[in-house]
Amino acid sequence: MRHAQPDQFGNPTYDLNSQNIIGIVPSKSSLGTPSPPYTRDELSSSITHNDMKFDAIKEPWNEYELKDGTVIRVKLVLTMIGETSKHEVHGEPVYLVNAQPIIKGVPSDKLKKK
């Protein structure tokens, strides 16, 4: 949603709402017995490996062009992964993930104040 007032440099400003969805491709050796239902607190207390080491294979930018010509670029950068002792209904391991969205915007030239 674009705000009526531009920023101090004359560029348009926006509000962005998003929801992160993160999937995994587990190795066969990590599959286990599905866990019974658990609460968020039980999941947090079931961490077996906190702050796991990982290598980013790809961190692609997602680009969106708005109707006003502005291009918004967004990518999600993982900052922490914690393995839990829980497994979902198909036996896949459950992880707790912290991630930070990085957002860049390039306003359309017609929206920039001169």
PDB file of N, CA and C in Angstrom:
ATOM      1  N   MET A   1       0.846  -1.161   0.000  1.00  0.00           N
ATOM      2  CA  MET A   1       0.000   0.000   0.000  1.00  0.00           C
ATOM      3  C   MET A   1       0.899   1.236   0.000  1.00  0.00           C
ATOM      4  N   ARG A   2       0.674   2.132  -0.940  1.00  0.00           N
ATOM      5  CA  ARG A   2       1.486   3.346  -1.025  1.00  0.00           C
ATOM      6  C   ARG A   2       0.911   4.416  -0.103  1.00  0.00           C
ATOM      7  N   HIS A   3       1.803   5.086   0.626  1.00  0.00           N
ATOM      8  CA  HIS A   3       1.420   6.186   1.500  1.00  0.00           C
ATOM      9  C   HIS A   3       1.209   7.448   0.670  1.00  0.00           C
ATOM     10  N   ALA A   4       0.385   8.336   1.163  1.00  0.00           N
ATOM     11  CA  ALA A   4       0.122   9.590   0.460  1.00  0.00           C
ATOM     12  C   ALA A   4       1.352  10.498   0.490  1.00  0.00           C
ATOM     13  N   GLN A   5       2.116  10.459   1.575  1.00  0.00           N
ATOM     14  CA  GLN A   5       3.281  11.337   1.725  1.00  0.00           C
ATOM     15  C   GLN A   5       4.558  10.633   1.297  1.00  0.00           C
ATOM     16  N   PRO A   6       5.389  11.274   0.477  1.00  0.00           N
ATOM     17  CA  PRO A   6       6.690  10.693   0.117  1.00  0.00           C
ATOM     18  C   PRO A   6       7.680  10.811   1.281  1.00  0.00           C
ATOM     19  N   ASP A   7       8.834  10.147   1.154  1.00  0.00           N
ATOM     20  CA  ASP A   7       9.872  10.267   2.176  1.00  0.00           C
ATOM     21  C   ASP A   7      10.597  11.600   2.030  1.00  0.00           C
ATOM     22  N   GLN A   8      11.615  11.822   2.844  1.00  0.00           N
ATOM     23  CA  GLN A   8      12.339  13.101   2.864  1.00  0.00           C
ATOM     24  C   GLN A   8      13.068  13.406   1.557  1.00  0.00           C
ATOM     25  N   PHE A   9      13.262  12.380   0.714  1.00  0.00           N
ATOM     26  CA  PHE A   9      13.937  12.565  -0.563  1.00  0.00           C
ATOM     27  C   PHE A   9      12.962  12.668  -1.726  1.00  0.00           C
ATOM     28  N   GLY A  10      11.664  12.630  -1.410  1.00  0.00           N
ATOM     29  CA  GLY A  10      10.647  12.726  -2.444  1.00  0.00           C
ATOM     30  C   GLY A  10      10.230  11.407  -3.053  1.00  0.00           C
ATOM     31  N   ASN A  11      10.747  10.296  -2.518  1.00  0.00           N
ATOM     32  CA  ASN A  11      10.387   8.978  -3.034  1.00  0.00           C
ATOM     33  C   ASN A  11       9.100   8.481  -2.377  1.00  0.00           C
ATOM     34  N   PRO A  12       8.303   7.715  -3.099  1.00  0.00           N
ATOM     35  CA  PRO A  12       7.090   7.164  -2.486  1.00  0.00           C
ATOM     36  C   PRO A  12       7.446   6.156  -1.395  1.00  0.00           C
ATOM     37  N   THR A  13       6.575   6.026  -0.411  1.00  0.00           N
ATOM     38  CA  THR A  13       6.770   5.048   0.664  1.00  0.00           C
ATOM     39  C   THR A  13       5.595   4.077   0.653  1.00  0.00           C
ATOM     40  N   TYR A  14       5.865   2.852   1.111  1.00  0.00           N
ATOM     41  CA  TYR A  14       4.882   1.775   1.046  1.00  0.00           C
ATOM     42  C   TYR A  14       4.848   0.998   2.351  1.00  0.00           C
ATOM     43  N   ASP A  15       3.727   0.344   2.627  1.00  0.00           N
ATOM     44  CA  ASP A  15       3.613  -0.681   3.659  1.00  0.00           C
ATOM     45  C   ASP A  15       3.590  -2.021   2.938  1.00  0.00           C
ATOM     46  N   LEU A  16       4.272  -2.990   3.506  1.00  0.00           N
ATOM     47  CA  LEU A  16       4.346  -4.322   2.905  1.00  0.00           C
ATOM     48  C   LEU A  16       4.014  -5.346   3.972  1.00  0.00           C
ATOM     49  N   ASN A  17       3.039  -6.183   3.722  1.00  0.00           N
ATOM     50  CA  ASN A  17       2.710  -7.297   4.606  1.00  0.00           C
ATOM     51  C   ASN A  17       3.106  -8.580   3.909  1.00  0.00           C
ATOM     52  N   SER A  18       3.707  -9.496   4.657  1.00  0.00           N
ATOM     53  CA  SER A  18       4.119 -10.756   4.054  1.00  0.00           C
ATOM     54  C   SER A  18       4.057 -11.875   5.080  1.00  0.00           C
ATOM     55  N   GLN A  19       4.087 -13.083   4.582  1.00  0.00           N
ATOM     56  CA  GLN A  19       4.159 -14.272   5.423  1.00  0.00           C
ATOM     57  C   GLN A  19       5.205 -15.183   4.810  1.00  0.00           C
ATOM     58  N   ASN A  20       6.131 -15.635   5.629  1.00  0.00           N
ATOM     59  CA  ASN A  20       7.196 -16.506   5.147  1.00  0.00           C
ATOM     60  C   ASN A  20       6.753 -17.958   5.202  1.00  0.00           C
ATOM     61  N   ILE A  21       6.993 -18.683   4.128  1.00  0.00           N
ATOM     62  CA  ILE A  21       6.737 -20.114   4.078  1.00  0.00           C
ATOM     63  C   ILE A  21       8.049 -20.776   3.700  1.00  0.00           C
ATOM     64  N   ILE A  22       8.528 -21.643   4.577  1.00  0.00           N
ATOM     65  CA  ILE A  22       9.826 -22.274   4.383  1.00  0.00           C
ATOM     66  C   ILE A  22       9.625 -23.779   4.338  1.00  0.00           C
ATOM     67  N   GLY A  23      10.156 -24.422   3.322  1.00  0.00           N
ATOM     68  CA  GLY A  23      10.056 -25.865   3.192  1.00  0.00           C
ATOM     69  C   GLY A  23      11.432 -26.491   3.251  1.00  0.00           C
ATOM     70  N   ILE A  24      11.470 -27.769   3.535  1.00  0.00           N
ATOM     71  CA  ILE A  24      12.741 -28.497   3.577  1.00  0.00           C
ATOM     72  C   ILE A  24      12.652 -29.720   2.681  1.00  0.00           C
ATOM     73  N   VAL A  25      13.819 -30.209   2.277  1.00  0.00           N
ATOM     74  CA  VAL A  25      13.920 -31.484   1.575  1.00  0.00           C
ATOM     75  C   VAL A  25      14.803 -32.353   2.481  1.00  0.00           C
ATOM     76  N   PRO A  26      14.174 -33.182   3.307  1.00  0.00           N
ATOM     77  CA  PRO A  26      14.956 -33.944   4.289  1.00  0.00           C
ATOM     78  C   PRO A  26      15.644 -35.145   3.658  1.00  0.00           C
ATOM     79  N   SER A  27      16.737 -35.549   4.264  1.00  0.00           N
ATOM     80  CA  SER A  27      17.375 -36.797   3.849  1.00  0.00           C
ATOM     81  C   SER A  27      16.544 -37.952   4.414  1.00  0.00           C
ATOM     82  N   LYS A  28      16.616 -39.106   3.789  1.00  0.00           N
ATOM     83  CA  LYS A  28      15.851 -40.273   4.272  1.00  0.00           C
ATOM     84  C   LYS A  28      16.264 -40.635   5.694  1.00  0.00           C
ATOM     85  N   SER A  29      17.529 -40.414   6.021  1.00  0.00           N
ATOM     86  CA  SER A  29      18.003 -40.779   7.363  1.00  0.00           C
ATOM     87  C   SER A  29      17.433 -39.874   8.453  1.00  0.00           C
ATOM     88  N   SER A  30      16.904 -38.699   8.087  1.00  0.00           N
ATOM     89  CA  SER A  30      16.355 -37.792   9.101  1.00  0.00           C
ATOM     90  C   SER A  30      14.873 -38.029   9.371  1.00  0.00           C
ATOM     91  N   LEU A  31      14.236 -38.910   8.577  1.00  0.00           N
ATOM     92  CA  LEU A  31      12.816 -39.196   8.794  1.00  0.00           C
ATOM     93  C   LEU A  31      12.643 -39.956  10.095  1.00  0.00           C
ATOM     94  N   GLY A  32      11.527 -39.692  10.774  1.00  0.00           N
ATOM     95  CA  GLY A  32      11.274 -40.342  12.057  1.00  0.00           C
ATOM     96  C   GLY A  32       9.801 -40.625  12.244  1.00  0.00           C
ATOM     97  N   THR A  33       9.470 -41.044  13.438  1.00  0.00           N
ATOM     98  CA  THR A  33       8.084 -41.330  13.786  1.00  0.00           C
ATOM     99  C   THR A  33       7.345 -40.022  14.010  1.00  0.00           C
ATOM    100  N   PRO A  34       6.177 -39.850  13.390  1.00  0.00           N
ATOM    101  CA  PRO A  34       5.416 -38.612  13.593  1.00  0.00           C
ATOM    102  C   PRO A  34       5.166 -38.352  15.080  1.00  0.00           C
ATOM    103  N   SER A  35       5.302 -37.096  15.479  1.00  0.00           N
ATOM    104  CA  SER A  35       5.083 -36.697  16.862  1.00  0.00           C
ATOM    105  C   SER A  35       3.593 -36.475  17.107  1.00  0.00           C
ATOM    106  N   PRO A  36       3.156 -36.735  18.338  1.00  0.00           N
ATOM    107  CA  PRO A  36       1.771 -36.370  18.659  1.00  0.00           C
ATOM    108  C   PRO A  36       1.646 -34.850  18.637  1.00  0.00           C
ATOM    109  N   PRO A  37       0.433 -34.322  18.585  1.00  0.00           N
ATOM    110  CA  PRO A  37       0.272 -32.855  18.574  1.00  0.00           C
ATOM    111  C   PRO A  37       1.024 -32.202  19.737  1.00  0.00           C
ATOM    112  N   TYR A  38       1.563 -31.020  19.474  1.00  0.00           N
ATOM    113  CA  TYR A  38       2.339 -30.311  20.489  1.00  0.00           C
ATOM    114  C   TYR A  38       2.014 -28.832  20.422  1.00  0.00           C
ATOM    115  N   THR A  39       2.288 -28.147  21.524  1.00  0.00           N
ATOM    116  CA  THR A  39       2.071 -26.696  21.598  1.00  0.00           C
ATOM    117  C   THR A  39       3.318 -25.983  21.116  1.00  0.00           C
ATOM    118  N   ARG A  40       3.210 -24.704  20.912  1.00  0.00           N
ATOM    119  CA  ARG A  40       4.352 -23.892  20.514  1.00  0.00           C
ATOM    120  C   ARG A  40       5.452 -23.932  21.581  1.00  0.00           C
ATOM    121  N   ASP A  41       5.037 -23.880  22.841  1.00  0.00           N
ATOM    122  CA  ASP A  41       6.016 -23.942  23.939  1.00  0.00           C
ATOM    123  C   ASP A  41       6.733 -25.289  23.953  1.00  0.00           C
ATOM    124  N   GLU A  42       5.982 -26.388  23.718  1.00  0.00           N
ATOM    125  CA  GLU A  42       6.604 -27.710  23.679  1.00  0.00           C
ATOM    126  C   GLU A  42       7.588 -27.809  22.518  1.00  0.00           C
ATOM    127  N   LEU A  43       7.239 -27.199  21.389  1.00  0.00           N
ATOM    128  CA  LEU A  43       8.152 -27.206  20.245  1.00  0.00           C
ATOM    129  C   LEU A  43       9.428 -26.449  20.583  1.00  0.00           C
ATOM    130  N   SER A  44       9.287 -25.277  21.190  1.00  0.00           N
ATOM    131  CA  SER A  44      10.467 -24.472  21.557  1.00  0.00           C
ATOM    132  C   SER A  44      11.366 -25.200  22.547  1.00  0.00           C
ATOM    133  N   SER A  45      10.759 -25.955  23.448  1.00  0.00           N
ATOM    134  CA  SER A  45      11.568 -26.661  24.456  1.00  0.00           C
ATOM    135  C   SER A  45      12.128 -27.988  23.932  1.00  0.00           C
ATOM    136  N   SER A  46      11.785 -28.360  22.688  1.00  0.00           N
ATOM    137  CA  SER A  46      12.267 -29.627  22.133  1.00  0.00           C
ATOM    138  C   SER A  46      13.479 -29.461  21.223  1.00  0.00           C
ATOM    139  N   ILE A  47      14.112 -28.287  21.235  1.00  0.00           N
ATOM    140  CA  ILE A  47      15.281 -28.048  20.381  1.00  0.00           C
ATOM    141  C   ILE A  47      16.434 -28.948  20.820  1.00  0.00           C
ATOM    142  N   THR A  48      16.981 -29.700  19.876  1.00  0.00           N
ATOM    143  CA  THR A  48      18.108 -30.594  20.171  1.00  0.00           C
ATOM    144  C   THR A  48      19.433 -30.022  19.662  1.00  0.00           C
ATOM    145  N   HIS A  49      19.396 -29.241  18.603  1.00  0.00           N
ATOM    146  CA  HIS A  49      20.587 -28.581  18.054  1.00  0.00           C
ATOM    147  C   HIS A  49      20.216 -27.133  17.757  1.00  0.00           C
ATOM    148  N   ASN A  50      20.699 -26.235  18.583  1.00  0.00           N
ATOM    149  CA  ASN A  50      20.395 -24.817  18.388  1.00  0.00           C
ATOM    150  C   ASN A  50      21.469 -24.169  17.528  1.00  0.00           C
ATOM    151  N   ASP A  51      21.083 -23.223  16.722  1.00  0.00           N
ATOM    152  CA  ASP A  51      22.000 -22.456  15.872  1.00  0.00           C
ATOM    153  C   ASP A  51      22.869 -23.378  15.009  1.00  0.00           C
ATOM    154  N   MET A  52      22.199 -24.240  14.244  1.00  0.00           N
ATOM    155  CA  MET A  52      22.893 -25.184  13.364  1.00  0.00           C
ATOM    156  C   MET A  52      23.680 -24.437  12.296  1.00  0.00           C
ATOM    157  N   LYS A  53      24.785 -24.983  11.907  1.00  0.00           N
ATOM    158  CA  LYS A  53      25.570 -24.419  10.806  1.00  0.00           C
ATOM    159  C   LYS A  53      24.881 -24.775   9.495  1.00  0.00           C
ATOM    160  N   PHE A  54      24.916 -23.851   8.538  1.00  0.00           N
ATOM    161  CA  PHE A  54      24.315 -24.120   7.233  1.00  0.00           C
ATOM    162  C   PHE A  54      24.997 -23.268   6.181  1.00  0.00           C
ATOM    163  N   ASP A  55      24.895 -23.702   4.938  1.00  0.00           N
ATOM    164  CA  ASP A  55      25.402 -22.950   3.796  1.00  0.00           C
ATOM    165  C   ASP A  55      24.215 -22.539   2.941  1.00  0.00           C
ATOM    166  N   ALA A  56      24.153 -21.285   2.581  1.00  0.00           N
ATOM    167  CA  ALA A  56      23.104 -20.808   1.678  1.00  0.00           C
ATOM    168  C   ALA A  56      23.450 -21.264   0.265  1.00  0.00           C
ATOM    169  N   ILE A  57      22.598 -22.078  -0.326  1.00  0.00           N
ATOM    170  CA  ILE A  57      22.820 -22.544  -1.699  1.00  0.00           C
ATOM    171  C   ILE A  57      22.320 -21.498  -2.678  1.00  0.00           C
ATOM    172  N   LYS A  58      21.124 -20.969  -2.423  1.00  0.00           N
ATOM    173  CA  LYS A  58      20.546 -19.901  -3.230  1.00  0.00           C
ATOM    174  C   LYS A  58      19.760 -18.973  -2.322  1.00  0.00           C
ATOM    175  N   GLU A  59      19.875 -17.700  -2.551  1.00  0.00           N
ATOM    176  CA  GLU A  59      19.040 -16.703  -1.876  1.00  0.00           C
ATOM    177  C   GLU A  59      18.535 -15.748  -2.951  1.00  0.00           C
ATOM    178  N   PRO A  60      17.603 -16.222  -3.775  1.00  0.00           N
ATOM    179  CA  PRO A  60      17.171 -15.395  -4.910  1.00  0.00           C
ATOM    180  C   PRO A  60      16.312 -14.208  -4.478  1.00  0.00           C
ATOM    181  N   TRP A  61      16.377 -13.159  -5.260  1.00  0.00           N
ATOM    182  CA  TRP A  61      15.491 -12.014  -5.090  1.00  0.00           C
ATOM    183  C   TRP A  61      14.172 -12.320  -5.802  1.00  0.00           C
ATOM    184  N   ASN A  62      13.084 -11.954  -5.186  1.00  0.00           N
ATOM    185  CA  ASN A  62      11.770 -11.987  -5.830  1.00  0.00           C
ATOM    186  C   ASN A  62      11.448 -10.553  -6.213  1.00  0.00           C
ATOM    187  N   GLU A  63      11.056 -10.332  -7.451  1.00  0.00           N
ATOM    188  CA  GLU A  63      10.763  -8.974  -7.932  1.00  0.00           C
ATOM    189  C   GLU A  63       9.289  -8.836  -8.243  1.00  0.00           C
ATOM    190  N   TYR A  64       8.748  -7.685  -7.834  1.00  0.00           N
ATOM    191  CA  TYR A  64       7.336  -7.388  -8.060  1.00  0.00           C
ATOM    192  C   TYR A  64       7.230  -5.987  -8.643  1.00  0.00           C
ATOM    193  N   GLU A  65       6.528  -5.852  -9.757  1.00  0.00           N
ATOM    194  CA  GLU A  65       6.290  -4.534 -10.332  1.00  0.00           C
ATOM    195  C   GLU A  65       4.875  -4.104  -9.946  1.00  0.00           C
ATOM    196  N   LEU A  66       4.790  -2.960  -9.276  1.00  0.00           N
ATOM    197  CA  LEU A  66       3.503  -2.438  -8.838  1.00  0.00           C
ATOM    198  C   LEU A  66       2.825  -1.692  -9.978  1.00  0.00           C
ATOM    199  N   LYS A  67       1.533  -1.452  -9.836  1.00  0.00           N
ATOM    200  CA  LYS A  67       0.778  -0.774 -10.889  1.00  0.00           C
ATOM    201  C   LYS A  67       1.307   0.617 -11.179  1.00  0.00           C
ATOM    202  N   ASP A  68       1.962   1.250 -10.174  1.00  0.00           N
ATOM    203  CA  ASP A  68       2.499   2.586 -10.400  1.00  0.00           C
ATOM    204  C   ASP A  68       3.893   2.579 -11.031  1.00  0.00           C
ATOM    205  N   GLY A  69       4.408   1.384 -11.374  1.00  0.00           N
ATOM    206  CA  GLY A  69       5.716   1.281 -12.020  1.00  0.00           C
ATOM    207  C   GLY A  69       6.865   1.019 -11.067  1.00  0.00           C
ATOM    208  N   THR A  70       6.633   1.121  -9.764  1.00  0.00           N
ATOM    209  CA  THR A  70       7.673   0.846  -8.781  1.00  0.00           C
ATOM    210  C   THR A  70       8.007  -0.643  -8.791  1.00  0.00           C
ATOM    211  N   VAL A  71       9.303  -0.961  -8.665  1.00  0.00           N
ATOM    212  CA  VAL A  71       9.738  -2.349  -8.576  1.00  0.00           C
ATOM    213  C   VAL A  71      10.208  -2.602  -7.143  1.00  0.00           C
ATOM    214  N   ILE A  72       9.630  -3.628  -6.515  1.00  0.00           N
ATOM    215  CA  ILE A  72      10.010  -4.029  -5.156  1.00  0.00           C
ATOM    216  C   ILE A  72      10.761  -5.348  -5.275  1.00  0.00           C
ATOM    217  N   ARG A  73      11.937  -5.406  -4.650  1.00  0.00           N
ATOM    218  CA  ARG A  73      12.732  -6.629  -4.629  1.00  0.00           C
ATOM    219  C   ARG A  73      12.803  -7.120  -3.182  1.00  0.00           C
ATOM    220  N   VAL A  74      12.511  -8.411  -2.987  1.00  0.00           N
ATOM    221  CA  VAL A  74      12.474  -8.991  -1.646  1.00  0.00           C
ATOM    222  C   VAL A  74      13.217 -10.316  -1.653  1.00  0.00           C
ATOM    223  N   LYS A  75      14.014 -10.560  -0.604  1.00  0.00           N
ATOM    224  CA  LYS A  75      14.582 -11.885  -0.415  1.00  0.00           C
ATOM    225  C   LYS A  75      14.631 -12.180   1.079  1.00  0.00           C
ATOM    226  N   LEU A  76      14.525 -13.440   1.399  1.00  0.00           N
ATOM    227  CA  LEU A  76      14.532 -13.887   2.783  1.00  0.00           C
ATOM    228  C   LEU A  76      15.896 -14.484   3.087  1.00  0.00           C
ATOM    229  N   VAL A  77      16.538 -13.998   4.145  1.00  0.00           N
ATOM    230  CA  VAL A  77      17.852 -14.478   4.542  1.00  0.00           C
ATOM    231  C   VAL A  77      17.711 -15.197   5.881  1.00  0.00           C
ATOM    232  N   LEU A  78      18.070 -16.490   5.901  1.00  0.00           N
ATOM    233  CA  LEU A  78      18.004 -17.250   7.153  1.00  0.00           C
ATOM    234  C   LEU A  78      19.140 -16.816   8.065  1.00  0.00           C
ATOM    235  N   THR A  79      18.823 -16.642   9.350  1.00  0.00           N
ATOM    236  CA  THR A  79      19.839 -16.221  10.309  1.00  0.00           C
ATOM    237  C   THR A  79      20.121 -17.293  11.362  1.00  0.00           C
ATOM    238  N   MET A  80      19.151 -18.206  11.592  1.00  0.00           N
ATOM    239  CA  MET A  80      19.336 -19.253  12.593  1.00  0.00           C
ATOM    240  C   MET A  80      18.383 -20.403  12.286  1.00  0.00           C
ATOM    241  N   ILE A  81      18.889 -21.626  12.452  1.00  0.00           N
ATOM    242  CA  ILE A  81      18.066 -22.826  12.308  1.00  0.00           C
ATOM    243  C   ILE A  81      18.288 -23.690  13.538  1.00  0.00           C
ATOM    244  N   GLY A  82      17.193 -24.090  14.162  1.00  0.00           N
ATOM    245  CA  GLY A  82      17.260 -24.981  15.317  1.00  0.00           C
ATOM    246  C   GLY A  82      16.519 -26.276  15.024  1.00  0.00           C
ATOM    247  N   GLU A  83      17.192 -27.413  15.197  1.00  0.00           N
ATOM    248  CA  GLU A  83      16.553 -28.708  14.982  1.00  0.00           C
ATOM    249  C   GLU A  83      15.812 -29.105  16.254  1.00  0.00           C
ATOM    250  N   THR A  84      14.616 -29.652  16.099  1.00  0.00           N
ATOM    251  CA  THR A  84      13.845 -30.124  17.250  1.00  0.00           C
ATOM    252  C   THR A  84      13.778 -31.648  17.219  1.00  0.00           C
ATOM    253  N   SER A  85      13.272 -32.213  18.288  1.00  0.00           N
ATOM    254  CA  SER A  85      13.077 -33.664  18.338  1.00  0.00           C
ATOM    255  C   SER A  85      11.727 -34.067  17.755  1.00  0.00           C
ATOM    256  N   LYS A  86      10.968 -33.121  17.249  1.00  0.00           N
ATOM    257  CA  LYS A  86       9.626 -33.374  16.716  1.00  0.00           C
ATOM    258  C   LYS A  86       9.685 -33.741  15.229  1.00  0.00           C
ATOM    259  N   HIS A  87       8.674 -34.509  14.796  1.00  0.00           N
ATOM    260  CA  HIS A  87       8.522 -34.885  13.387  1.00  0.00           C
ATOM    261  C   HIS A  87       7.069 -34.661  13.005  1.00  0.00           C
ATOM    262  N   GLU A  88       6.863 -34.161  11.794  1.00  0.00           N
ATOM    263  CA  GLU A  88       5.496 -33.884  11.350  1.00  0.00           C
ATOM    264  C   GLU A  88       4.829 -35.168  10.886  1.00  0.00           C
ATOM    265  N   VAL A  89       3.617 -35.073  10.389  1.00  0.00           N
ATOM    266  CA  VAL A  89       2.772 -36.235  10.102  1.00  0.00           C
ATOM    267  C   VAL A  89       3.396 -37.233   9.121  1.00  0.00           C
ATOM    268  N   HIS A  90       4.277 -36.778   8.224  1.00  0.00           N
ATOM    269  CA  HIS A  90       4.942 -37.667   7.264  1.00  0.00           C
ATOM    270  C   HIS A  90       6.322 -38.116   7.749  1.00  0.00           C
ATOM    271  N   GLY A  91       6.655 -37.779   8.999  1.00  0.00           N
ATOM    272  CA  GLY A  91       7.939 -38.182   9.566  1.00  0.00           C
ATOM    273  C   GLY A  91       9.075 -37.224   9.302  1.00  0.00           C
ATOM    274  N   GLU A  92       8.789 -36.105   8.610  1.00  0.00           N
ATOM    275  CA  GLU A  92       9.840 -35.128   8.326  1.00  0.00           C
ATOM    276  C   GLU A  92      10.184 -34.349   9.593  1.00  0.00           C
ATOM    277  N   PRO A  93      11.462 -34.061   9.815  1.00  0.00           N
ATOM    278  CA  PRO A  93      11.860 -33.335  11.021  1.00  0.00           C
ATOM    279  C   PRO A  93      11.316 -31.903  11.018  1.00  0.00           C
ATOM    280  N   VAL A  94      11.095 -31.387  12.222  1.00  0.00           N
ATOM    281  CA  VAL A  94      10.601 -30.020  12.384  1.00  0.00           C
ATOM    282  C   VAL A  94      11.750 -29.151  12.878  1.00  0.00           C
ATOM    283  N   TYR A  95      11.934 -28.008  12.218  1.00  0.00           N
ATOM    284  CA  TYR A  95      12.980 -27.057  12.578  1.00  0.00           C
ATOM    285  C   TYR A  95      12.343 -25.731  12.969  1.00  0.00           C
ATOM    286  N   LEU A  96      13.007 -25.005  13.846  1.00  0.00           N
ATOM    287  CA  LEU A  96      12.626 -23.625  14.129  1.00  0.00           C
ATOM    288  C   LEU A  96      13.612 -22.740  13.379  1.00  0.00           C
ATOM    289  N   VAL A  97      13.090 -21.765  12.650  1.00  0.00           N
ATOM    290  CA  VAL A  97      13.922 -20.947  11.773  1.00  0.00           C
ATOM    291  C   VAL A  97      13.701 -19.472  12.078  1.00  0.00           C
ATOM    292  N   ASN A  98      14.799 -18.726  12.174  1.00  0.00           N
ATOM    293  CA  ASN A  98      14.738 -17.270  12.222  1.00  0.00           C
ATOM    294  C   ASN A  98      15.225 -16.761  10.875  1.00  0.00           C
ATOM    295  N   ALA A  99      14.497 -15.806  10.326  1.00  0.00           N
ATOM    296  CA  ALA A  99      14.853 -15.271   9.015  1.00  0.00           C
ATOM    297  C   ALA A  99      14.582 -13.772   8.994  1.00  0.00           C
ATOM    298  N   GLN A 100      15.324 -13.078   8.150  1.00  0.00           N
ATOM    299  CA  GLN A 100      15.195 -11.626   8.017  1.00  0.00           C
ATOM    300  C   GLN A 100      14.879 -11.289   6.566  1.00  0.00           C
ATOM    301  N   PRO A 101      13.761 -10.598   6.316  1.00  0.00           N
ATOM    302  CA  PRO A 101      13.497 -10.179   4.942  1.00  0.00           C
ATOM    303  C   PRO A 101      14.340  -8.952   4.593  1.00  0.00           C
ATOM    304  N   ILE A 102      14.887  -8.945   3.396  1.00  0.00           N
ATOM    305  CA  ILE A 102      15.616  -7.798   2.862  1.00  0.00           C
ATOM    306  C   ILE A 102      14.736  -7.228   1.751  1.00  0.00           C
ATOM    307  N   ILE A 103      14.445  -5.933   1.833  1.00  0.00           N
ATOM    308  CA  ILE A 103      13.516  -5.306   0.890  1.00  0.00           C
ATOM    309  C   ILE A 103      14.178  -4.094   0.264  1.00  0.00           C
ATOM    310  N   LYS A 104      14.125  -4.029  -1.077  1.00  0.00           N
ATOM    311  CA  LYS A 104      14.638  -2.881  -1.820  1.00  0.00           C
ATOM    312  C   LYS A 104      13.538  -2.402  -2.755  1.00  0.00           C
ATOM    313  N   GLY A 105      13.425  -1.116  -2.895  1.00  0.00           N
ATOM    314  CA  GLY A 105      12.437  -0.574  -3.811  1.00  0.00           C
ATOM    315  C   GLY A 105      13.076   0.401  -4.781  1.00  0.00           C
ATOM    316  N   VAL A 106      12.626   0.348  -6.021  1.00  0.00           N
ATOM    317  CA  VAL A 106      13.068   1.294  -7.040  1.00  0.00           C
ATOM    318  C   VAL A 106      11.821   1.976  -7.575  1.00  0.00           C
ATOM    319  N   PRO A 107      11.581   3.221  -7.122  1.00  0.00           N
ATOM    320  CA  PRO A 107      10.366   3.898  -7.563  1.00  0.00           C
ATOM    321  C   PRO A 107      10.419   4.248  -9.051  1.00  0.00           C
ATOM    322  N   SER A 108       9.270   4.262  -9.633  1.00  0.00           N
ATOM    323  CA  SER A 108       9.138   4.684 -11.030  1.00  0.00           C
ATOM    324  C   SER A 108       9.614   6.132 -11.135  1.00  0.00           C
ATOM    325  N   ASP A 109      10.265   6.491 -12.230  1.00  0.00           N
ATOM    326  CA  ASP A 109      10.732   7.862 -12.429  1.00  0.00           C
ATOM    327  C   ASP A 109       9.582   8.858 -12.357  1.00  0.00           C
ATOM    328  N   LYS A 110       8.393   8.466 -12.795  1.00  0.00           N
ATOM    329  CA  LYS A 110       7.264   9.395 -12.790  1.00  0.00           C
ATOM    330  C   LYS A 110       6.773   9.691 -11.373  1.00  0.00           C
ATOM    331  N   LEU A 111       7.183   8.890 -10.370  1.00  0.00           N
ATOM    332  CA  LEU A 111       6.751   9.135  -8.997  1.00  0.00           C
ATOM    333  C   LEU A 111       7.773   9.944  -8.188  1.00  0.00           C
ATOM    334  N   LYS A 112       8.992  10.044  -8.683  1.00  0.00           N
ATOM    335  CA  LYS A 112      10.038  10.777  -7.961  1.00  0.00           C
ATOM    336  C   LYS A 112       9.780  12.264  -8.047  1.00  0.00           C
ATOM    337  N   LYS A 113       9.937  12.938  -6.920  1.00  0.00           N
ATOM    338  CA  LYS A 113       9.810  14.393  -6.879  1.00  0.00           C
ATOM    339  C   LYS A 113      11.133  15.002  -7.333  1.00  0.00           C
ATOM    340  N   LYS A 114      11.059  15.958  -8.164  1.00  0.00           N
ATOM    341  CA  LYS A 114      12.276  16.587  -8.678  1.00  0.00           C
ATOM    342  C   LYS A 114      12.673  17.760  -7.802  1.00  0.00           C
TER     343      LYS A 114
END
